[in-house]
Amino acid sequence: MHRADASPTVTERITQDVRAWVCSTALRGLVRHFGGDWPAGDLAEVLRFLDDFSARHWDFRGGRERPDAREPDLDPATTALVLDTAAALGLIHPAPPARPAYAHLVVLGGLAHACVRRVGYAAHLLRAGLTVTGEVAVLGSFRPLSDAERRILADAGLPADATEVDVLDTAVRRVFEVAGPAEQAGVDAGHPHHSWSSRTYRPAGLPPVRVLAAPSSEPDRRRAHTADTQRFWAGHVRLAPGDEVLTVTAPIYVPFQHCDALRTLAVPYGCDIETVGVDPAVADLAVLPEQTLTPGRYLQEIRSAIRSMRALHSGLRSD
């Protein structure tokens, strides 16, 4: 479910897509392998079960950031099943954009190496002929980088920036060959969870590129997450019904971040959403190759997708 068009039947269409993913043969087999009995009941009950089940068996973060998650000790048969399931559920193999033109191109932030790769892939798509009539939005937060992230940047000969949005901004300046922003705004509230910033660059021959750091919607509890950045950007750009939005992330995050985009952008604004993962075969990205993804990481992000789908489905039912 990497693409969804908002329409008068948006609720039915999204519900069908969610049901197809969560009730797939691949996910049922994975649950069975980990000792689960598939529940009776409607889609809401299945999502509740999967949320609880994945919390017990596939949550290796325990509230920590992704780099700090532990890696489970899985036997070879389980490892093979996890990788096969991840591929079937759309977490491994990237697909190119389905359309030649979009209203907006949205690049989602993440860990430092992912920020660099996603910005580079967005530039590659534009220079390969993708048309964007609105803007390129590069979305992040003031999340501090870990020591490991800064080492990865330094080893690649890139600046060891302090925050996620700094990495995104540096990547934009480098790959779009711009020296400074044409417009900028923001609020320094004295705490990263409350602060925000916006810098708009105007590269020659390409659409404007906005680098946006969002505040948290729950600043007393956590940093800004993906849904916060998408919602904050939508308020700045003034999305219109029917706008076609292409979102770029890593393949492993496509299902979960697509559902976040549906919940925060497609449903409230009536726009069309397509989500694609960075293609590792693009030569421009060799400056910072994708890190090796483990079976534990795939299980964790299957859980992330389940949770995002549950939040999406719950929101549809309450409307």
Protein backbone atom coordinates (compact mmCIF):
# COMPACT_ATOMS: atom_id res chain seq x y z
CA MET A 1 0.00 0.00 0.00
CA HIS A 2 2.50 2.54 -1.22
CA ARG A 3 0.05 4.73 -3.11
CA ALA A 4 -3.43 6.01 -2.32
CA ASP A 5 -5.65 8.52 -4.08
CA ALA A 6 -7.94 10.69 -1.98
CA SER A 7 -11.50 10.59 -3.35
CA PRO A 8 -15.12 10.44 -2.10
CA THR A 9 -14.43 6.78 -1.23
CA VAL A 10 -11.10 7.42 0.47
CA THR A 11 -12.13 5.70 3.71
CA GLU A 12 -13.21 2.52 1.95
CA ARG A 13 -10.13 2.42 -0.25
CA ILE A 14 -7.69 2.94 2.60
CA THR A 15 -9.51 0.36 4.73
CA GLN A 16 -9.26 -2.20 1.92
CA ASP A 17 -5.53 -1.54 1.57
CA VAL A 18 -4.94 -1.85 5.30
CA ARG A 19 -6.92 -5.09 5.45
CA ALA A 20 -4.98 -6.54 2.51
CA TRP A 21 -1.64 -5.79 4.22
CA VAL A 22 -2.41 -6.88 7.76
CA CYS A 23 -4.37 -9.99 6.75
CA SER A 24 -1.86 -11.07 4.10
CA THR A 25 -0.60 -14.63 3.94
CA ALA A 26 2.91 -13.37 4.64
CA LEU A 27 2.04 -11.62 7.90
CA ARG A 28 -0.20 -14.47 9.05
CA GLY A 29 2.68 -16.89 8.53
CA LEU A 30 5.09 -14.70 10.49
CA VAL A 31 2.66 -14.44 13.40
CA ARG A 32 2.12 -18.20 13.37
CA HIS A 33 5.89 -18.82 13.37
CA PHE A 34 6.26 -16.68 16.51
CA GLY A 35 3.50 -18.64 18.28
CA GLY A 36 0.49 -16.43 17.63
CA ASP A 37 -3.09 -17.56 16.95
CA TRP A 38 -4.86 -15.30 14.47
CA PRO A 39 -7.85 -13.64 16.17
CA ALA A 40 -11.48 -13.72 15.18
CA GLY A 41 -13.17 -10.34 14.80
CA ASP A 42 -13.15 -7.30 12.58
CA LEU A 43 -10.17 -5.32 11.26
CA ALA A 44 -9.98 -3.19 14.43
CA GLU A 45 -9.65 -6.36 16.53
CA VAL A 46 -6.95 -7.77 14.23
CA LEU A 47 -4.98 -4.51 14.45
CA ARG A 48 -5.32 -4.48 18.25
CA PHE A 49 -4.06 -8.07 18.40
CA LEU A 50 -1.13 -7.34 16.07
CA ASP A 51 -0.15 -4.24 18.05
CA ASP A 52 -0.09 -6.23 21.30
CA PHE A 53 1.57 -9.27 19.73
CA SER A 54 4.31 -7.26 18.02
CA ALA A 55 4.98 -5.38 21.28
CA ARG A 56 5.77 -8.71 22.96
CA HIS A 57 7.76 -10.31 20.15
CA TRP A 58 9.16 -7.63 17.80
CA ASP A 59 9.79 -4.51 19.87
CA PHE A 60 13.56 -4.31 20.34
CA ARG A 61 13.70 -0.56 20.93
CA GLY A 62 11.93 -0.40 24.29
CA GLY A 63 11.34 3.32 23.84
CA ARG A 64 14.90 3.99 22.64
CA GLU A 65 15.99 5.49 19.33
CA ARG A 66 16.40 3.02 16.44
CA PRO A 67 20.23 2.83 16.60
CA ASP A 68 19.96 1.74 20.24
CA ALA A 69 17.64 -1.21 19.59
CA ARG A 70 18.96 -4.63 20.48
CA GLU A 71 19.28 -7.32 17.83
CA PRO A 72 17.46 -10.60 18.57
CA ASP A 73 19.20 -13.95 18.26
CA LEU A 74 17.24 -15.71 15.51
CA ASP A 75 17.87 -19.14 14.03
CA PRO A 76 18.52 -19.41 10.26
CA ALA A 77 14.98 -20.57 9.42
CA THR A 78 13.44 -17.64 11.29
CA THR A 79 15.87 -15.20 9.69
CA ALA A 80 14.92 -16.44 6.22
CA LEU A 81 11.21 -16.19 7.03
CA VAL A 82 11.58 -12.64 8.36
CA LEU A 83 13.39 -11.50 5.20
CA ASP A 84 10.83 -13.20 2.93
CA THR A 85 7.99 -11.60 4.88
CA ALA A 86 9.60 -8.16 4.80
CA ALA A 87 9.96 -8.43 1.03
CA ALA A 88 6.34 -9.52 0.61
CA LEU A 89 5.14 -6.63 2.78
CA GLY A 90 7.06 -4.02 0.77
CA LEU A 91 9.96 -3.25 3.14
CA ILE A 92 12.88 -4.30 0.94
CA HIS A 93 12.56 -3.65 -2.78
CA PRO A 94 12.15 -0.03 -3.96
CA ALA A 95 9.77 1.00 -6.74
CA PRO A 96 10.15 4.10 -8.94
CA PRO A 97 7.58 6.91 -8.86
CA ALA A 98 4.46 5.95 -10.79
CA ARG A 99 3.83 9.41 -12.25
CA PRO A 100 5.95 11.84 -14.24
CA ALA A 101 4.74 14.90 -12.29
CA TYR A 102 3.63 15.82 -8.77
CA ALA A 103 2.49 18.93 -6.95
CA HIS A 104 5.06 18.40 -4.18
CA LEU A 105 7.99 16.14 -3.39
CA VAL A 106 8.45 15.41 0.32
CA VAL A 107 11.74 14.05 1.68
CA LEU A 108 11.51 12.57 5.16
CA GLY A 109 14.35 12.89 7.64
CA GLY A 110 15.80 10.11 9.75
CA LEU A 111 19.21 8.91 10.83
CA ALA A 112 22.13 10.91 9.45
CA HIS A 113 23.10 8.56 6.62
CA ALA A 114 19.44 8.27 5.59
CA CYS A 115 19.05 12.05 5.47
CA VAL A 116 21.96 12.33 3.05
CA ARG A 117 20.74 9.47 0.86
CA ARG A 118 17.13 10.67 0.65
CA VAL A 119 18.08 14.23 -0.29
CA GLY A 120 20.45 12.81 -2.90
CA TYR A 121 17.72 10.57 -4.31
CA ALA A 122 15.28 13.48 -4.53
CA ALA A 123 17.84 15.49 -6.51
CA HIS A 124 18.42 12.47 -8.76
CA LEU A 125 14.69 12.16 -9.50
CA LEU A 126 14.40 15.84 -10.39
CA ARG A 127 17.46 15.82 -12.63
CA ALA A 128 16.19 12.64 -14.30
CA GLY A 129 13.07 14.53 -15.40
CA LEU A 130 10.53 14.30 -12.57
CA THR A 131 8.34 17.41 -12.61
CA VAL A 132 7.35 19.14 -9.36
CA THR A 133 5.04 22.13 -9.77
CA GLY A 134 5.08 23.19 -6.12
CA GLU A 135 8.03 22.63 -3.81
CA VAL A 136 10.46 20.05 -2.54
CA ALA A 137 9.94 19.77 1.22
CA VAL A 138 12.77 18.27 3.29
CA LEU A 139 11.33 17.47 6.70
CA GLY A 140 13.13 16.88 9.98
CA SER A 141 13.49 17.98 13.58
CA PHE A 142 16.09 19.24 16.03
CA ARG A 143 16.87 15.70 17.18
CA PRO A 144 20.54 15.62 18.30
CA LEU A 145 22.73 13.23 16.35
CA SER A 146 24.34 10.35 18.19
CA ASP A 147 28.11 9.95 18.33
CA ALA A 148 27.78 7.03 15.92
CA GLU A 149 25.91 9.17 13.38
CA ARG A 150 28.54 11.89 13.56
CA ARG A 151 31.29 9.30 13.05
CA ILE A 152 29.52 7.95 9.95
CA LEU A 153 29.36 11.46 8.49
CA ALA A 154 32.99 12.17 9.32
CA ASP A 155 34.16 8.87 7.82
CA ALA A 156 32.41 9.87 4.57
CA GLY A 157 34.13 13.26 4.56
CA LEU A 158 30.91 15.09 5.41
CA PRO A 159 30.44 17.72 8.15
CA ALA A 160 29.71 16.21 11.57
CA ASP A 161 26.50 18.21 12.08
CA ALA A 162 24.76 18.50 15.43
CA THR A 163 21.11 17.72 14.58
CA GLU A 164 18.97 15.91 12.04
CA VAL A 165 17.85 19.14 10.39
CA ASP A 166 21.47 20.31 10.16
CA VAL A 167 22.32 17.17 8.17
CA LEU A 168 19.34 17.73 5.88
CA ASP A 169 20.31 21.36 5.35
CA THR A 170 23.93 20.48 4.59
CA ALA A 171 22.81 17.78 2.14
CA VAL A 172 20.48 20.21 0.35
CA ARG A 173 23.23 22.80 -0.02
CA ARG A 174 25.62 20.17 -1.37
CA VAL A 175 23.45 18.22 -3.82
CA PHE A 176 21.39 21.18 -5.05
CA GLU A 177 24.49 23.40 -5.25
CA VAL A 178 23.02 26.34 -3.31
CA ALA A 179 24.99 28.62 -0.99
CA GLY A 180 22.26 29.99 1.25
CA PRO A 181 18.50 30.21 1.71
CA ALA A 182 16.41 32.74 -0.19
CA GLU A 183 13.92 32.90 2.70
CA GLN A 184 14.07 31.72 6.28
CA ALA A 185 11.91 31.86 9.38
CA GLY A 186 11.54 30.10 12.70
CA VAL A 187 11.23 30.25 16.45
CA ASP A 188 13.96 29.40 18.93
CA ALA A 189 11.93 28.50 22.00
CA GLY A 190 14.95 27.45 24.04
CA HIS A 191 14.13 23.76 23.73
CA PRO A 192 14.31 21.57 20.61
CA HIS A 193 10.87 20.03 21.20
CA HIS A 194 9.25 23.49 21.04
CA SER A 195 11.38 25.16 18.35
CA TRP A 196 10.96 25.22 14.58
CA SER A 197 12.78 26.53 11.53
CA SER A 198 12.15 26.94 7.80
CA ARG A 199 14.77 27.63 5.12
CA THR A 200 13.83 27.86 1.43
CA TYR A 201 16.45 27.47 -1.28
CA ARG A 202 16.00 28.26 -4.97
CA PRO A 203 18.32 26.05 -7.04
CA ALA A 204 18.70 27.03 -10.69
CA GLY A 205 16.29 25.23 -13.00
CA LEU A 206 14.61 23.26 -10.20
CA PRO A 207 11.64 23.85 -7.88
CA PRO A 208 12.19 25.60 -4.55
CA VAL A 209 13.53 23.40 -1.77
CA ARG A 210 12.27 24.03 1.77
CA VAL A 211 14.14 22.52 4.75
CA LEU A 212 11.73 22.42 7.67
CA ALA A 213 12.30 21.45 11.30
CA ALA A 214 9.03 20.86 13.11
CA PRO A 215 8.18 21.16 16.80
CA SER A 216 6.72 18.23 18.70
CA SER A 217 2.97 17.98 19.14
CA GLU A 218 3.73 16.54 22.61
CA PRO A 219 6.81 18.55 23.61
CA ASP A 220 6.70 17.51 27.25
CA ARG A 221 6.96 13.84 26.29
CA ARG A 222 9.05 13.44 23.14
CA ARG A 223 10.74 14.95 20.09
CA ALA A 224 8.89 15.62 16.85
CA HIS A 225 8.16 12.46 14.88
CA THR A 226 7.24 11.79 11.24
CA ALA A 227 3.57 12.69 11.59
CA ASP A 228 4.49 15.96 13.34
CA THR A 229 6.78 17.00 10.49
CA GLN A 230 4.22 16.13 7.82
CA ARG A 231 1.41 17.97 9.61
CA PHE A 232 3.59 21.02 10.25
CA TRP A 233 4.64 21.19 6.61
CA ALA A 234 1.04 20.87 5.40
CA GLY A 235 0.13 23.96 7.40
CA HIS A 236 2.93 25.92 5.75
CA VAL A 237 2.41 24.85 2.16
CA ARG A 238 -1.42 25.01 2.14
CA LEU A 239 -2.19 21.68 0.56
CA ALA A 240 -5.22 21.57 -1.73
CA PRO A 241 -7.61 18.70 -2.52
CA GLY A 242 -6.25 16.66 -5.40
CA ASP A 243 -2.63 17.71 -4.89
CA GLU A 244 -0.38 14.80 -5.84
CA VAL A 245 2.36 14.36 -3.24
CA LEU A 246 5.36 12.06 -3.65
CA THR A 247 7.06 11.07 -0.39
CA VAL A 248 10.63 9.71 -0.30
CA THR A 249 11.97 7.56 2.52
CA ALA A 250 13.95 4.31 2.85
CA PRO A 251 12.29 1.10 1.59
CA ILE A 252 12.15 -0.38 5.09
CA TYR A 253 10.00 2.55 6.28
CA VAL A 254 7.66 2.81 3.27
CA PRO A 255 4.60 1.04 4.77
CA PHE A 256 4.67 2.85 8.10
CA GLN A 257 5.47 6.31 6.76
CA HIS A 258 2.97 5.95 3.93
CA CYS A 259 0.25 5.34 6.50
CA ASP A 260 1.40 8.35 8.51
CA ALA A 261 1.16 10.45 5.34
CA LEU A 262 -2.34 9.15 4.65
CA ARG A 263 -3.41 10.01 8.19
CA THR A 264 -1.84 13.47 8.34
CA LEU A 265 -2.09 14.61 4.71
CA ALA A 266 -4.45 12.57 2.50
CA VAL A 267 -7.40 12.28 4.89
CA PRO A 268 -7.53 15.85 6.26
CA TYR A 269 -6.50 17.65 3.06
CA GLY A 270 -7.87 15.39 0.33
CA CYS A 271 -4.53 15.11 -1.46
CA ASP A 272 -3.13 12.04 -3.23
CA ILE A 273 -0.16 10.28 -1.64
CA GLU A 274 2.50 8.04 -3.15
CA THR A 275 5.45 6.81 -1.10
CA VAL A 276 8.67 5.41 -2.55
CA GLY A 277 11.91 4.12 -1.11
CA VAL A 278 15.39 5.23 -2.14
CA ASP A 279 16.80 3.05 -4.90
CA PRO A 280 20.23 1.82 -3.71
CA ALA A 281 21.34 1.34 -7.32
CA VAL A 282 21.52 5.10 -7.93
CA ALA A 283 25.21 5.89 -8.34
CA ASP A 284 24.95 9.38 -6.84
CA LEU A 285 24.31 7.83 -3.41
CA ALA A 286 27.62 5.98 -3.18
CA VAL A 287 29.07 8.74 -0.98
CA LEU A 288 27.16 7.22 1.93
CA PRO A 289 25.91 3.66 1.26
CA GLU A 290 22.88 2.24 3.05
CA GLN A 291 23.76 0.48 6.28
CA THR A 292 23.17 -3.26 6.56
CA LEU A 293 19.63 -3.97 7.68
CA THR A 294 19.16 -6.89 10.04
CA PRO A 295 16.20 -9.24 10.60
CA GLY A 296 15.57 -7.48 13.90
CA ARG A 297 15.28 -4.14 12.12
CA TYR A 298 12.74 -5.59 9.71
CA LEU A 299 10.66 -7.05 12.53
CA GLN A 300 10.78 -3.70 14.33
CA GLU A 301 9.54 -1.84 11.25
CA ILE A 302 6.80 -4.39 10.57
CA ARG A 303 5.65 -3.45 14.06
CA SER A 304 5.94 0.26 13.19
CA ALA A 305 3.74 -0.31 10.14
CA ILE A 306 1.16 -2.16 12.23
CA ARG A 307 1.00 0.68 14.75
CA SER A 308 0.73 3.30 12.01
CA MET A 309 -2.06 1.35 10.31
CA ARG A 310 -3.91 1.00 13.60
CA ALA A 311 -3.73 4.77 14.17
CA LEU A 312 -4.86 5.40 10.59
CA HIS A 313 -7.77 2.97 10.83
CA SER A 314 -8.83 4.34 14.21
CA GLY A 315 -8.87 7.85 12.78
CA LEU A 316 -10.99 6.76 9.83
CA ARG A 317 -13.52 5.11 12.13
CA SER A 318 -13.83 8.18 14.35
CA ASP A 319 -14.46 10.60 11.45
